[in-house]
Amino acid sequence: LAILMFSWLIFLTIIPTKVLNHISPNEPTPVSAEKHKTESWDWPW
């Protein structure tokens, strides 16, 4: 159960960034996009 919840947590943190990047790729905020990318992929493992 804990693994399932953890995987869902990863899903909910990675998918919104991907969706936002797909929905609004022409936003004048590349810094925030890069920040989100590093946040979502900067896992301890």
N, C-alpha and C. Protein backbone atom coordinates (compact mmCIF):
# COMPACT_ATOMS: atom_id res chain seq x y z
N LEU A 1 0.84 -1.22 0.00
CA LEU A 1 0.00 0.00 0.00
C LEU A 1 0.87 1.25 0.00
N ALA A 2 1.93 1.24 0.79
CA ALA A 2 2.81 2.41 0.84
C ALA A 2 3.47 2.64 -0.52
N ILE A 3 3.85 1.54 -1.18
CA ILE A 3 4.49 1.68 -2.50
C ILE A 3 3.49 2.27 -3.49
N LEU A 4 2.25 1.80 -3.42
CA LEU A 4 1.22 2.32 -4.32
C LEU A 4 1.01 3.81 -4.09
N MET A 5 0.91 4.22 -2.84
CA MET A 5 0.73 5.64 -2.54
C MET A 5 1.93 6.44 -3.02
N PHE A 6 3.14 5.90 -2.84
CA PHE A 6 4.35 6.62 -3.27
C PHE A 6 4.36 6.79 -4.78
N SER A 7 3.99 5.72 -5.50
CA SER A 7 3.96 5.81 -6.96
C SER A 7 2.91 6.84 -7.40
N TRP A 8 1.78 6.88 -6.71
CA TRP A 8 0.76 7.87 -7.05
C TRP A 8 1.26 9.28 -6.76
N LEU A 9 2.03 9.43 -5.69
CA LEU A 9 2.59 10.74 -5.38
C LEU A 9 3.52 11.19 -6.50
N ILE A 10 4.37 10.28 -6.97
CA ILE A 10 5.26 10.61 -8.08
C ILE A 10 4.43 10.98 -9.31
N PHE A 11 3.39 10.18 -9.59
CA PHE A 11 2.53 10.46 -10.73
C PHE A 11 1.94 11.86 -10.64
N LEU A 12 1.41 12.20 -9.47
CA LEU A 12 0.74 13.49 -9.31
C LEU A 12 1.72 14.65 -9.33
N THR A 13 3.01 14.38 -9.11
CA THR A 13 3.98 15.47 -9.16
C THR A 13 4.58 15.62 -10.55
N ILE A 14 4.68 14.52 -11.30
CA ILE A 14 5.31 14.61 -12.62
C ILE A 14 4.30 14.95 -13.70
N ILE A 15 3.11 14.32 -13.64
CA ILE A 15 2.14 14.50 -14.73
C ILE A 15 1.67 15.95 -14.88
N PRO A 16 1.35 16.68 -13.80
CA PRO A 16 0.91 18.07 -13.98
C PRO A 16 1.95 18.93 -14.69
N THR A 17 3.23 18.73 -14.41
CA THR A 17 4.26 19.52 -15.09
C THR A 17 4.28 19.19 -16.57
N LYS A 18 4.16 17.91 -16.92
CA LYS A 18 4.13 17.53 -18.33
C LYS A 18 2.90 18.13 -19.01
N VAL A 19 1.75 18.03 -18.36
CA VAL A 19 0.52 18.56 -18.95
C VAL A 19 0.62 20.07 -19.14
N LEU A 20 1.15 20.76 -18.14
CA LEU A 20 1.29 22.21 -18.24
C LEU A 20 2.25 22.57 -19.37
N ASN A 21 3.34 21.81 -19.51
CA ASN A 21 4.29 22.08 -20.58
C ASN A 21 3.63 21.85 -21.94
N HIS A 22 2.75 20.86 -22.04
CA HIS A 22 2.08 20.59 -23.30
C HIS A 22 1.00 21.63 -23.58
N ILE A 23 0.29 22.05 -22.53
CA ILE A 23 -0.81 23.00 -22.73
C ILE A 23 -0.27 24.38 -23.07
N SER A 24 0.72 24.85 -22.31
CA SER A 24 1.23 26.21 -22.52
C SER A 24 2.74 26.17 -22.73
N PRO A 25 3.19 25.73 -23.92
CA PRO A 25 4.64 25.69 -24.19
C PRO A 25 5.20 27.05 -24.55
N ASN A 26 4.33 28.01 -24.88
CA ASN A 26 4.80 29.33 -25.30
C ASN A 26 4.71 30.35 -24.18
N GLU A 27 4.69 29.89 -22.94
CA GLU A 27 4.63 30.83 -21.82
C GLU A 27 5.98 31.50 -21.64
N PRO A 28 6.00 32.79 -21.30
CA PRO A 28 7.27 33.50 -21.11
C PRO A 28 7.88 33.23 -19.74
N THR A 29 7.82 31.98 -19.28
CA THR A 29 8.38 31.65 -17.97
C THR A 29 9.18 30.35 -18.07
N PRO A 30 10.31 30.36 -18.77
CA PRO A 30 11.11 29.13 -18.88
C PRO A 30 11.80 28.78 -17.57
N VAL A 31 12.02 29.79 -16.73
CA VAL A 31 12.70 29.53 -15.46
C VAL A 31 11.84 28.63 -14.57
N SER A 32 10.55 28.94 -14.49
CA SER A 32 9.67 28.12 -13.65
C SER A 32 9.55 26.71 -14.22
N ALA A 33 9.52 26.60 -15.55
CA ALA A 33 9.44 25.27 -16.16
C ALA A 33 10.68 24.46 -15.80
N GLU A 34 11.85 25.09 -15.92
CA GLU A 34 13.08 24.38 -15.56
C GLU A 34 13.07 24.00 -14.09
N LYS A 35 12.59 24.90 -13.25
CA LYS A 35 12.53 24.61 -11.82
C LYS A 35 11.64 23.39 -11.57
N HIS A 36 10.48 23.34 -12.24
CA HIS A 36 9.58 22.21 -12.07
C HIS A 36 10.24 20.92 -12.54
N LYS A 37 10.97 21.00 -13.66
CA LYS A 37 11.63 19.80 -14.17
C LYS A 37 12.64 19.28 -13.16
N THR A 38 13.49 20.18 -12.64
CA THR A 38 14.50 19.73 -11.69
C THR A 38 13.83 19.21 -10.43
N GLU A 39 12.73 19.83 -10.02
CA GLU A 39 12.03 19.36 -8.82
C GLU A 39 11.47 17.96 -9.03
N SER A 40 10.84 17.72 -10.17
CA SER A 40 10.18 16.44 -10.38
C SER A 40 11.18 15.31 -10.61
N TRP A 41 12.37 15.63 -11.13
CA TRP A 41 13.33 14.56 -11.44
C TRP A 41 14.48 14.49 -10.45
N ASP A 42 14.48 15.34 -9.43
CA ASP A 42 15.58 15.34 -8.47
C ASP A 42 15.24 14.43 -7.30
N TRP A 43 15.14 13.12 -7.59
CA TRP A 43 14.81 12.15 -6.54
C TRP A 43 16.09 11.65 -5.88
N PRO A 44 16.01 11.29 -4.61
CA PRO A 44 17.20 10.76 -3.90
C PRO A 44 17.66 9.42 -4.46
N TRP A 45 16.78 8.70 -5.16
CA TRP A 45 17.19 7.45 -5.78
C TRP A 45 17.25 7.67 -7.28
